[in-house]
Amino acid sequence: MLKIGIIGCGFIGTQICLAVDSGVIPAEIFGVFDFSDEKADTVLKLLKKSGSSNRLPKKYTPEEMIGSCDLIIECASQEAVLKYALPALEKGTDFMVLSVGAFKNPDFFLKVRETAAAHGSKIYVPSGAIAGTDGLNSAAVAGLDSVSVTTRKPISGLAGSPYLIENNIDLSEIREPTTVFEGTAAEAVIGFPKNVNVCATVSLCGIGFDKTAVRIIADPTISENIHELEVCGDFGRMKMMIENHPSPQNPKTSYLAALSAVSALKRITDPIQIGF
């Protein structure tokens, strides 16, 4: 029975815990951690069981969970990935990353890869709030000419983004769809760390952070998070659009991002692997 530790008890962490607790995933939530004790306690109160041992999970520090779990799932922040991924991998503990923007630093990404290989551990990156990563991975084998992501979000989904603050962009003054950012994925994941993990995932699958083009549109006329992926290469051309409902708890997070983490866990624990 796979023992799982959760770092971050927001919407995504909660959905993962509930999926495991319901028996959808044959695993056990060993423990949870959040800087907010209130969030951690709220999640724990929702859980009725935890796998075959029938023990209820508890609050632990990430360091305690790393030494006791088979898999740590980060649902917190890029900073959490930078702090805990390497220690987990060094202990032979697998690590799932939701804040994929942490991999914008190629040196860190290489160190993660080398550490996992040296210690027999694995890094898992769910597809998140976008579709088409399987096709993008396949297309990249033959070579890609261009990859672009256009993200369109309601005003509430972009509030507080560092890029907007630094550039004095007042979202309250926007009355129609407005492009607030155009640049590379490397720049986007710094300026919008809570909003564009899809750009980071696409970059890892395709041509990298520095070559992936990103456009972010603030749109007061919509309630969904909309992502458009366009890829050109030797394989041909692929274009895909997905409209995501934001999570009920956090407008910056798409509901599909949580579902992708649950789906990734199902694949990890399933002896049949489909859709590679």
C-alpha atoms as a PDB file:
ATOM      1  CA  MET A   1       0.000   0.000   0.000  1.00  0.00           C
ATOM      2  CA  LEU A   2       1.520   3.293  -1.163  1.00  0.00           C
ATOM      3  CA  LYS A   3       2.065   5.718   1.728  1.00  0.00           C
ATOM      4  CA  ILE A   4       1.512   9.337   0.715  1.00  0.00           C
ATOM      5  CA  GLY A   5       2.474  12.591   2.415  1.00  0.00           C
ATOM      6  CA  ILE A   6       0.786  15.848   1.390  1.00  0.00           C
ATOM      7  CA  ILE A   7       2.517  19.236   1.496  1.00  0.00           C
ATOM      8  CA  GLY A   8      -0.144  21.914   1.125  1.00  0.00           C
ATOM      9  CA  CYS A   9      -3.764  21.525   2.228  1.00  0.00           C
ATOM     10  CA  GLY A  10      -5.511  23.867  -0.186  1.00  0.00           C
ATOM     11  CA  PHE A  11      -7.987  22.751  -2.826  1.00  0.00           C
ATOM     12  CA  ILE A  12      -5.661  20.364  -4.668  1.00  0.00           C
ATOM     13  CA  GLY A  13      -4.291  18.735  -1.523  1.00  0.00           C
ATOM     14  CA  THR A  14      -7.812  18.300  -0.183  1.00  0.00           C
ATOM     15  CA  GLN A  15      -9.076  16.653  -3.384  1.00  0.00           C
ATOM     16  CA  ILE A  16      -6.167  14.200  -3.384  1.00  0.00           C
ATOM     17  CA  CYS A  17      -6.813  13.264   0.246  1.00  0.00           C
ATOM     18  CA  LEU A  18     -10.516  12.729  -0.396  1.00  0.00           C
ATOM     19  CA  ALA A  19      -9.840  10.580  -3.473  1.00  0.00           C
ATOM     20  CA  VAL A  20      -7.510   8.328  -1.506  1.00  0.00           C
ATOM     21  CA  ASP A  21      -9.805   8.232   1.512  1.00  0.00           C
ATOM     22  CA  SER A  22     -12.777   7.211  -0.652  1.00  0.00           C
ATOM     23  CA  GLY A  23     -10.889   4.212  -2.023  1.00  0.00           C
ATOM     24  CA  VAL A  24     -10.650   5.563  -5.590  1.00  0.00           C
ATOM     25  CA  ILE A  25      -6.879   5.226  -5.262  1.00  0.00           C
ATOM     26  CA  PRO A  26      -5.379   2.165  -3.536  1.00  0.00           C
ATOM     27  CA  ALA A  27      -3.072   4.118  -1.254  1.00  0.00           C
ATOM     28  CA  GLU A  28      -2.817   5.540   2.246  1.00  0.00           C
ATOM     29  CA  ILE A  29      -2.545   9.165   3.350  1.00  0.00           C
ATOM     30  CA  PHE A  30       0.184   8.930   5.959  1.00  0.00           C
ATOM     31  CA  GLY A  31       0.174  12.588   6.935  1.00  0.00           C
ATOM     32  CA  VAL A  32      -0.356  16.183   5.875  1.00  0.00           C
ATOM     33  CA  PHE A  33       1.451  19.470   6.310  1.00  0.00           C
ATOM     34  CA  ASP A  34       0.445  23.080   5.814  1.00  0.00           C
ATOM     35  CA  PHE A  35       1.827  26.310   7.242  1.00  0.00           C
ATOM     36  CA  SER A  36      -1.756  26.976   8.281  1.00  0.00           C
ATOM     37  CA  ASP A  37      -2.718  24.588  11.074  1.00  0.00           C
ATOM     38  CA  GLU A  38      -6.341  25.462  10.386  1.00  0.00           C
ATOM     39  CA  LYS A  39      -6.124  24.190   6.790  1.00  0.00           C
ATOM     40  CA  ALA A  40      -4.374  20.991   7.879  1.00  0.00           C
ATOM     41  CA  ASP A  41      -6.961  20.378  10.618  1.00  0.00           C
ATOM     42  CA  THR A  42      -9.815  20.966   8.151  1.00  0.00           C
ATOM     43  CA  VAL A  43      -8.486  18.293   5.807  1.00  0.00           C
ATOM     44  CA  LEU A  44      -7.907  15.796   8.606  1.00  0.00           C
ATOM     45  CA  LYS A  45     -11.492  16.228   9.839  1.00  0.00           C
ATOM     46  CA  LEU A  46     -12.782  15.216   6.401  1.00  0.00           C
ATOM     47  CA  LEU A  47     -10.951  11.889   6.377  1.00  0.00           C
ATOM     48  CA  LYS A  48     -12.601   8.763   7.743  1.00  0.00           C
ATOM     49  CA  LYS A  49      -9.902   6.176   7.029  1.00  0.00           C
ATOM     50  CA  SER A  50      -6.551   5.779   5.334  1.00  0.00           C
ATOM     51  CA  GLY A  51      -5.873   2.584   3.467  1.00  0.00           C
ATOM     52  CA  SER A  52      -5.629  -0.942   4.779  1.00  0.00           C
ATOM     53  CA  SER A  53      -4.095   0.010   8.103  1.00  0.00           C
ATOM     54  CA  ASN A  54      -7.271   1.908   9.065  1.00  0.00           C
ATOM     55  CA  ARG A  55      -5.171   4.520  10.857  1.00  0.00           C
ATOM     56  CA  LEU A  56      -6.135   8.144  10.509  1.00  0.00           C
ATOM     57  CA  PRO A  57      -3.446  10.437   9.061  1.00  0.00           C
ATOM     58  CA  LYS A  58      -1.875  13.106  11.251  1.00  0.00           C
ATOM     59  CA  LYS A  59      -0.047  16.396  10.939  1.00  0.00           C
ATOM     60  CA  TYR A  60       3.672  15.967  10.399  1.00  0.00           C
ATOM     61  CA  THR A  61       6.526  18.151   9.266  1.00  0.00           C
ATOM     62  CA  PRO A  62       7.714  17.558   5.699  1.00  0.00           C
ATOM     63  CA  GLU A  63      10.959  16.174   7.097  1.00  0.00           C
ATOM     64  CA  GLU A  64       9.049  13.564   9.128  1.00  0.00           C
ATOM     65  CA  MET A  65       6.962  12.539   6.136  1.00  0.00           C
ATOM     66  CA  ILE A  66       9.987  12.240   3.863  1.00  0.00           C
ATOM     67  CA  GLY A  67      11.430   9.623   6.146  1.00  0.00           C
ATOM     68  CA  SER A  68       8.186   7.668   6.414  1.00  0.00           C
ATOM     69  CA  CYS A  69       6.377   7.902   3.044  1.00  0.00           C
ATOM     70  CA  ASP A  70       6.768   6.328  -0.378  1.00  0.00           C
ATOM     71  CA  LEU A  71       5.531   9.446  -2.167  1.00  0.00           C
ATOM     72  CA  ILE A  72       5.418  13.123  -1.224  1.00  0.00           C
ATOM     73  CA  ILE A  73       2.950  15.307  -3.131  1.00  0.00           C
ATOM     74  CA  GLU A  74       3.673  19.040  -3.251  1.00  0.00           C
ATOM     75  CA  CYS A  75       0.530  21.177  -3.556  1.00  0.00           C
ATOM     76  CA  ALA A  76       1.902  24.322  -1.962  1.00  0.00           C
ATOM     77  CA  SER A  77       4.362  26.535  -3.840  1.00  0.00           C
ATOM     78  CA  GLN A  78       7.508  26.692  -5.923  1.00  0.00           C
ATOM     79  CA  GLU A  79       9.407  27.341  -2.700  1.00  0.00           C
ATOM     80  CA  ALA A  80       8.211  24.016  -1.298  1.00  0.00           C
ATOM     81  CA  VAL A  81       9.554  22.210  -4.361  1.00  0.00           C
ATOM     82  CA  LEU A  82      12.941  23.919  -4.008  1.00  0.00           C
ATOM     83  CA  LYS A  83      13.116  23.053  -0.312  1.00  0.00           C
ATOM     84  CA  TYR A  84      11.836  19.485  -0.184  1.00  0.00           C
ATOM     85  CA  ALA A  85      12.252  17.773  -3.581  1.00  0.00           C
ATOM     86  CA  LEU A  86      15.953  16.972  -3.293  1.00  0.00           C
ATOM     87  CA  PRO A  87      15.832  15.754   0.366  1.00  0.00           C
ATOM     88  CA  ALA A  88      12.929  13.449  -0.552  1.00  0.00           C
ATOM     89  CA  LEU A  89      14.675  12.023  -3.610  1.00  0.00           C
ATOM     90  CA  GLU A  90      17.885  11.479  -1.658  1.00  0.00           C
ATOM     91  CA  LYS A  91      15.888   9.319   0.774  1.00  0.00           C
ATOM     92  CA  GLY A  92      14.495   7.261  -2.098  1.00  0.00           C
ATOM     93  CA  THR A  93      11.084   8.894  -1.694  1.00  0.00           C
ATOM     94  CA  ASP A  94       9.200   9.727  -4.891  1.00  0.00           C
ATOM     95  CA  PHE A  95       8.034  13.332  -5.304  1.00  0.00           C
ATOM     96  CA  MET A  96       5.045  14.729  -7.221  1.00  0.00           C
ATOM     97  CA  VAL A  97       5.219  18.382  -8.258  1.00  0.00           C
ATOM     98  CA  LEU A  98       2.184  20.611  -8.836  1.00  0.00           C
ATOM     99  CA  SER A  99       4.063  23.939  -8.686  1.00  0.00           C
ATOM    100  CA  VAL A 100       5.945  23.114 -11.878  1.00  0.00           C
ATOM    101  CA  GLY A 101       7.330  26.633 -12.268  1.00  0.00           C
ATOM    102  CA  ALA A 102      10.031  25.639  -9.776  1.00  0.00           C
ATOM    103  CA  PHE A 103      11.729  23.835 -12.660  1.00  0.00           C
ATOM    104  CA  LYS A 104      12.363  27.088 -14.554  1.00  0.00           C
ATOM    105  CA  ASN A 105      15.953  26.909 -13.292  1.00  0.00           C
ATOM    106  CA  PRO A 106      17.654  24.371 -15.587  1.00  0.00           C
ATOM    107  CA  ASP A 107      20.398  23.692 -13.038  1.00  0.00           C
ATOM    108  CA  PHE A 108      17.840  22.775 -10.392  1.00  0.00           C
ATOM    109  CA  PHE A 109      15.910  20.601 -12.833  1.00  0.00           C
ATOM    110  CA  LEU A 110      19.115  18.775 -13.812  1.00  0.00           C
ATOM    111  CA  LYS A 111      20.023  18.276 -10.138  1.00  0.00           C
ATOM    112  CA  VAL A 112      16.560  16.824  -9.476  1.00  0.00           C
ATOM    113  CA  ARG A 113      16.903  14.442 -12.413  1.00  0.00           C
ATOM    114  CA  GLU A 114      20.397  13.324 -11.373  1.00  0.00           C
ATOM    115  CA  THR A 115      19.395  12.865  -7.726  1.00  0.00           C
ATOM    116  CA  ALA A 116      16.355  10.786  -8.628  1.00  0.00           C
ATOM    117  CA  ALA A 117      18.445   8.589 -10.919  1.00  0.00           C
ATOM    118  CA  ALA A 118      21.151   8.115  -8.306  1.00  0.00           C
ATOM    119  CA  HIS A 119      18.734   7.086  -5.552  1.00  0.00           C
ATOM    120  CA  GLY A 120      16.159   5.104  -7.536  1.00  0.00           C
ATOM    121  CA  SER A 121      13.389   7.606  -6.904  1.00  0.00           C
ATOM    122  CA  LYS A 122      11.005   9.316  -9.318  1.00  0.00           C
ATOM    123  CA  ILE A 123       9.610  12.773 -10.006  1.00  0.00           C
ATOM    124  CA  TYR A 124       6.009  12.952 -11.206  1.00  0.00           C
ATOM    125  CA  VAL A 125       4.550  16.013 -12.958  1.00  0.00           C
ATOM    126  CA  PRO A 126       0.789  15.777 -13.653  1.00  0.00           C
ATOM    127  CA  SER A 127      -0.568  17.413 -16.808  1.00  0.00           C
ATOM    128  CA  GLY A 128      -2.336  20.020 -14.676  1.00  0.00           C
ATOM    129  CA  ALA A 129      -4.938  22.359 -16.130  1.00  0.00           C
ATOM    130  CA  ILE A 130      -4.092  21.706 -19.770  1.00  0.00           C
ATOM    131  CA  ALA A 131      -4.619  18.857 -22.219  1.00  0.00           C
ATOM    132  CA  GLY A 132      -2.390  17.667 -25.016  1.00  0.00           C
ATOM    133  CA  THR A 133       0.823  16.989 -23.109  1.00  0.00           C
ATOM    134  CA  ASP A 134       0.838  13.398 -24.401  1.00  0.00           C
ATOM    135  CA  GLY A 135       0.714  14.630 -27.995  1.00  0.00           C
ATOM    136  CA  LEU A 136       3.291  17.320 -27.268  1.00  0.00           C
ATOM    137  CA  ASN A 137       5.676  14.734 -25.823  1.00  0.00           C
ATOM    138  CA  SER A 138       5.245  12.597 -28.910  1.00  0.00           C
ATOM    139  CA  ALA A 139       5.682  15.526 -31.315  1.00  0.00           C
ATOM    140  CA  ALA A 140       8.870  16.625 -29.553  1.00  0.00           C
ATOM    141  CA  VAL A 141      10.560  13.344 -30.497  1.00  0.00           C
ATOM    142  CA  ALA A 142      10.690  14.472 -34.145  1.00  0.00           C
ATOM    143  CA  GLY A 143      11.529  18.081 -33.343  1.00  0.00           C
ATOM    144  CA  LEU A 144       9.453  21.223 -32.735  1.00  0.00           C
ATOM    145  CA  ASP A 145       9.594  24.618 -34.420  1.00  0.00           C
ATOM    146  CA  SER A 146       7.374  26.559 -32.034  1.00  0.00           C
ATOM    147  CA  VAL A 147       5.202  26.162 -28.944  1.00  0.00           C
ATOM    148  CA  SER A 148       2.884  28.845 -27.606  1.00  0.00           C
ATOM    149  CA  VAL A 149       0.395  29.091 -24.758  1.00  0.00           C
ATOM    150  CA  THR A 150      -2.322  31.730 -24.475  1.00  0.00           C
ATOM    151  CA  THR A 151      -3.958  31.916 -21.058  1.00  0.00           C
ATOM    152  CA  ARG A 152      -7.168  33.871 -20.550  1.00  0.00           C
ATOM    153  CA  LYS A 153      -8.311  34.343 -16.950  1.00  0.00           C
ATOM    154  CA  PRO A 154     -10.982  36.293 -15.077  1.00  0.00           C
ATOM    155  CA  ILE A 155      -9.742  39.254 -13.065  1.00  0.00           C
ATOM    156  CA  SER A 156      -9.953  37.389  -9.739  1.00  0.00           C
ATOM    157  CA  GLY A 157      -7.670  34.662 -11.064  1.00  0.00           C
ATOM    158  CA  LEU A 158      -4.798  37.089 -11.658  1.00  0.00           C
ATOM    159  CA  ALA A 159      -5.094  39.268  -8.570  1.00  0.00           C
ATOM    160  CA  GLY A 160      -1.870  39.688  -6.619  1.00  0.00           C
ATOM    161  CA  SER A 161       0.466  38.464  -9.358  1.00  0.00           C
ATOM    162  CA  PRO A 162       3.996  39.913  -8.879  1.00  0.00           C
ATOM    163  CA  TYR A 163       4.275  40.986 -12.533  1.00  0.00           C
ATOM    164  CA  LEU A 164       1.109  43.071 -12.330  1.00  0.00           C
ATOM    165  CA  ILE A 165       2.210  44.705  -9.087  1.00  0.00           C
ATOM    166  CA  GLU A 166       5.703  45.504 -10.366  1.00  0.00           C
ATOM    167  CA  ASN A 167       4.312  47.016 -13.573  1.00  0.00           C
ATOM    168  CA  ASN A 168       1.529  48.965 -11.861  1.00  0.00           C
ATOM    169  CA  ILE A 169      -1.230  47.184 -13.774  1.00  0.00           C
ATOM    170  CA  ASP A 170      -4.516  47.873 -11.990  1.00  0.00           C
ATOM    171  CA  LEU A 171      -6.930  45.018 -12.708  1.00  0.00           C
ATOM    172  CA  SER A 172      -9.867  47.007 -11.353  1.00  0.00           C
ATOM    173  CA  GLU A 173      -9.572  49.369 -14.311  1.00  0.00           C
ATOM    174  CA  ILE A 174      -9.835  46.621 -16.930  1.00  0.00           C
ATOM    175  CA  ARG A 175     -13.272  46.567 -18.586  1.00  0.00           C
ATOM    176  CA  GLU A 176     -12.580  44.370 -21.619  1.00  0.00           C
ATOM    177  CA  PRO A 177     -10.203  41.504 -22.511  1.00  0.00           C
ATOM    178  CA  THR A 178      -6.694  42.938 -22.145  1.00  0.00           C
ATOM    179  CA  THR A 179      -3.297  41.370 -22.763  1.00  0.00           C
ATOM    180  CA  VAL A 180      -1.304  41.982 -19.585  1.00  0.00           C
ATOM    181  CA  PHE A 181       1.761  39.897 -20.449  1.00  0.00           C
ATOM    182  CA  GLU A 182       3.640  38.647 -23.483  1.00  0.00           C
ATOM    183  CA  GLY A 183       6.972  36.899 -23.173  1.00  0.00           C
ATOM    184  CA  THR A 184       8.588  33.557 -22.501  1.00  0.00           C
ATOM    185  CA  ALA A 185       7.475  30.831 -20.119  1.00  0.00           C
ATOM    186  CA  ALA A 186      10.627  31.518 -18.092  1.00  0.00           C
ATOM    187  CA  GLU A 187       9.393  35.062 -17.469  1.00  0.00           C
ATOM    188  CA  ALA A 188       5.767  34.045 -16.973  1.00  0.00           C
ATOM    189  CA  VAL A 189       6.393  31.550 -14.153  1.00  0.00           C
ATOM    190  CA  ILE A 190       8.261  34.265 -12.232  1.00  0.00           C
ATOM    191  CA  GLY A 191       5.696  36.988 -12.802  1.00  0.00           C
ATOM    192  CA  PHE A 192       2.650  34.749 -12.283  1.00  0.00           C
ATOM    193  CA  PRO A 193       3.812  31.928  -9.953  1.00  0.00           C
ATOM    194  CA  LYS A 194       0.272  30.930  -8.902  1.00  0.00           C
ATOM    195  CA  ASN A 195      -1.325  31.185 -12.328  1.00  0.00           C
ATOM    196  CA  VAL A 196       0.654  29.589 -15.151  1.00  0.00           C
ATOM    197  CA  ASN A 197       1.893  26.172 -14.094  1.00  0.00           C
ATOM    198  CA  VAL A 198       0.493  25.010 -17.429  1.00  0.00           C
ATOM    199  CA  CYS A 199       3.228  27.016 -19.161  1.00  0.00           C
ATOM    200  CA  ALA A 200       5.876  25.261 -17.100  1.00  0.00           C
ATOM    201  CA  THR A 201       4.474  21.813 -17.867  1.00  0.00           C
ATOM    202  CA  VAL A 202       4.283  22.598 -21.583  1.00  0.00           C
ATOM    203  CA  SER A 203       7.874  23.895 -21.489  1.00  0.00           C
ATOM    204  CA  LEU A 204       9.149  20.651 -19.958  1.00  0.00           C
ATOM    205  CA  CYS A 205       7.322  18.580 -22.566  1.00  0.00           C
ATOM    206  CA  GLY A 206       8.340  20.735 -25.514  1.00  0.00           C
ATOM    207  CA  ILE A 207      11.145  23.193 -26.284  1.00  0.00           C
ATOM    208  CA  GLY A 208      11.982  24.618 -22.876  1.00  0.00           C
ATOM    209  CA  PHE A 209      11.143  27.687 -20.822  1.00  0.00           C
ATOM    210  CA  ASP A 210      13.140  30.178 -22.889  1.00  0.00           C
ATOM    211  CA  LYS A 211      11.592  29.197 -26.235  1.00  0.00           C
ATOM    212  CA  THR A 212       7.965  28.695 -25.209  1.00  0.00           C
ATOM    213  CA  ALA A 213       5.903  31.813 -25.997  1.00  0.00           C
ATOM    214  CA  VAL A 214       3.269  32.902 -23.476  1.00  0.00           C
ATOM    215  CA  ARG A 215       0.478  35.450 -23.625  1.00  0.00           C
ATOM    216  CA  ILE A 216      -1.751  36.192 -20.620  1.00  0.00           C
ATOM    217  CA  ILE A 217      -5.091  37.940 -21.039  1.00  0.00           C
ATOM    218  CA  ALA A 218      -7.119  39.423 -18.203  1.00  0.00           C
ATOM    219  CA  ASP A 219     -10.760  39.040 -19.196  1.00  0.00           C
ATOM    220  CA  PRO A 220     -13.530  40.459 -16.985  1.00  0.00           C
ATOM    221  CA  THR A 221     -16.189  38.915 -19.259  1.00  0.00           C
ATOM    222  CA  ILE A 222     -15.450  35.271 -18.410  1.00  0.00           C
ATOM    223  CA  SER A 223     -15.621  33.027 -15.345  1.00  0.00           C
ATOM    224  CA  GLU A 224     -13.466  30.145 -16.656  1.00  0.00           C
ATOM    225  CA  ASN A 225      -9.707  29.743 -16.979  1.00  0.00           C
ATOM    226  CA  ILE A 226      -9.039  29.248 -20.700  1.00  0.00           C
ATOM    227  CA  HIS A 227      -5.786  27.847 -22.094  1.00  0.00           C
ATOM    228  CA  GLU A 228      -4.860  27.560 -25.759  1.00  0.00           C
ATOM    229  CA  LEU A 229      -1.889  25.435 -26.801  1.00  0.00           C
ATOM    230  CA  GLU A 230      -0.430  25.679 -30.300  1.00  0.00           C
ATOM    231  CA  VAL A 231       2.456  23.496 -31.486  1.00  0.00           C
ATOM    232  CA  CYS A 232       4.239  23.324 -34.861  1.00  0.00           C
ATOM    233  CA  GLY A 233       6.948  20.867 -35.860  1.00  0.00           C
ATOM    234  CA  ASP A 234       8.004  18.053 -38.150  1.00  0.00           C
ATOM    235  CA  PHE A 235       4.906  16.084 -37.124  1.00  0.00           C
ATOM    236  CA  GLY A 236       2.556  18.812 -38.392  1.00  0.00           C
ATOM    237  CA  ARG A 237       0.478  21.285 -36.357  1.00  0.00           C
ATOM    238  CA  MET A 238      -1.561  20.874 -33.208  1.00  0.00           C
ATOM    239  CA  LYS A 239      -3.937  23.374 -31.660  1.00  0.00           C
ATOM    240  CA  MET A 240      -5.990  22.797 -28.561  1.00  0.00           C
ATOM    241  CA  MET A 241      -8.198  24.902 -26.301  1.00  0.00           C
ATOM    242  CA  ILE A 242      -9.558  23.974 -22.904  1.00  0.00           C
ATOM    243  CA  GLU A 243     -11.994  25.924 -20.716  1.00  0.00           C
ATOM    244  CA  ASN A 244     -11.567  25.094 -17.045  1.00  0.00           C
ATOM    245  CA  HIS A 245     -13.858  25.874 -14.160  1.00  0.00           C
ATOM    246  CA  PRO A 246     -11.820  27.489 -11.365  1.00  0.00           C
ATOM    247  CA  SER A 247     -11.739  25.640  -8.076  1.00  0.00           C
ATOM    248  CA  PRO A 248     -14.429  26.703  -5.571  1.00  0.00           C
ATOM    249  CA  GLN A 249     -11.781  27.615  -2.997  1.00  0.00           C
ATOM    250  CA  ASN A 250      -9.146  29.345  -5.130  1.00  0.00           C
ATOM    251  CA  PRO A 251      -9.889  31.201  -8.397  1.00  0.00           C
ATOM    252  CA  LYS A 252      -6.196  31.002  -9.344  1.00  0.00           C
ATOM    253  CA  THR A 253      -6.432  27.195  -9.559  1.00  0.00           C
ATOM    254  CA  SER A 254      -8.382  25.270 -12.185  1.00  0.00           C
ATOM    255  CA  TYR A 255     -10.463  22.326 -10.997  1.00  0.00           C
ATOM    256  CA  LEU A 256      -8.800  20.190 -13.670  1.00  0.00           C
ATOM    257  CA  ALA A 257      -5.407  20.708 -12.005  1.00  0.00           C
ATOM    258  CA  ALA A 258      -6.639  18.817  -8.944  1.00  0.00           C
ATOM    259  CA  LEU A 259      -8.228  16.121 -11.085  1.00  0.00           C
ATOM    260  CA  SER A 260      -4.961  15.659 -12.994  1.00  0.00           C
ATOM    261  CA  ALA A 261      -3.127  14.939  -9.742  1.00  0.00           C
ATOM    262  CA  VAL A 262      -5.744  12.350  -8.781  1.00  0.00           C
ATOM    263  CA  SER A 263      -5.497  10.831 -12.268  1.00  0.00           C
ATOM    264  CA  ALA A 264      -1.702  10.686 -12.011  1.00  0.00           C
ATOM    265  CA  LEU A 265      -1.997   8.796  -8.717  1.00  0.00           C
ATOM    266  CA  LYS A 266      -4.405   6.340 -10.299  1.00  0.00           C
ATOM    267  CA  ARG A 267      -1.894   5.661 -13.088  1.00  0.00           C
ATOM    268  CA  ILE A 268       0.963   5.228 -10.621  1.00  0.00           C
ATOM    269  CA  THR A 269      -0.973   2.595  -8.683  1.00  0.00           C
ATOM    270  CA  ASP A 270      -2.519   0.878 -11.732  1.00  0.00           C
ATOM    271  CA  PRO A 271      -0.692  -2.080 -13.317  1.00  0.00           C
ATOM    272  CA  ILE A 272      -2.060  -1.090 -16.750  1.00  0.00           C
ATOM    273  CA  GLN A 273      -0.668   2.101 -18.239  1.00  0.00           C
ATOM    274  CA  ILE A 274      -2.632   3.731 -21.091  1.00  0.00           C
ATOM    275  CA  GLY A 275      -2.013   6.939 -23.037  1.00  0.00           C
ATOM    276  CA  PHE A 276       1.755   7.259 -22.937  1.00  0.00           C
END
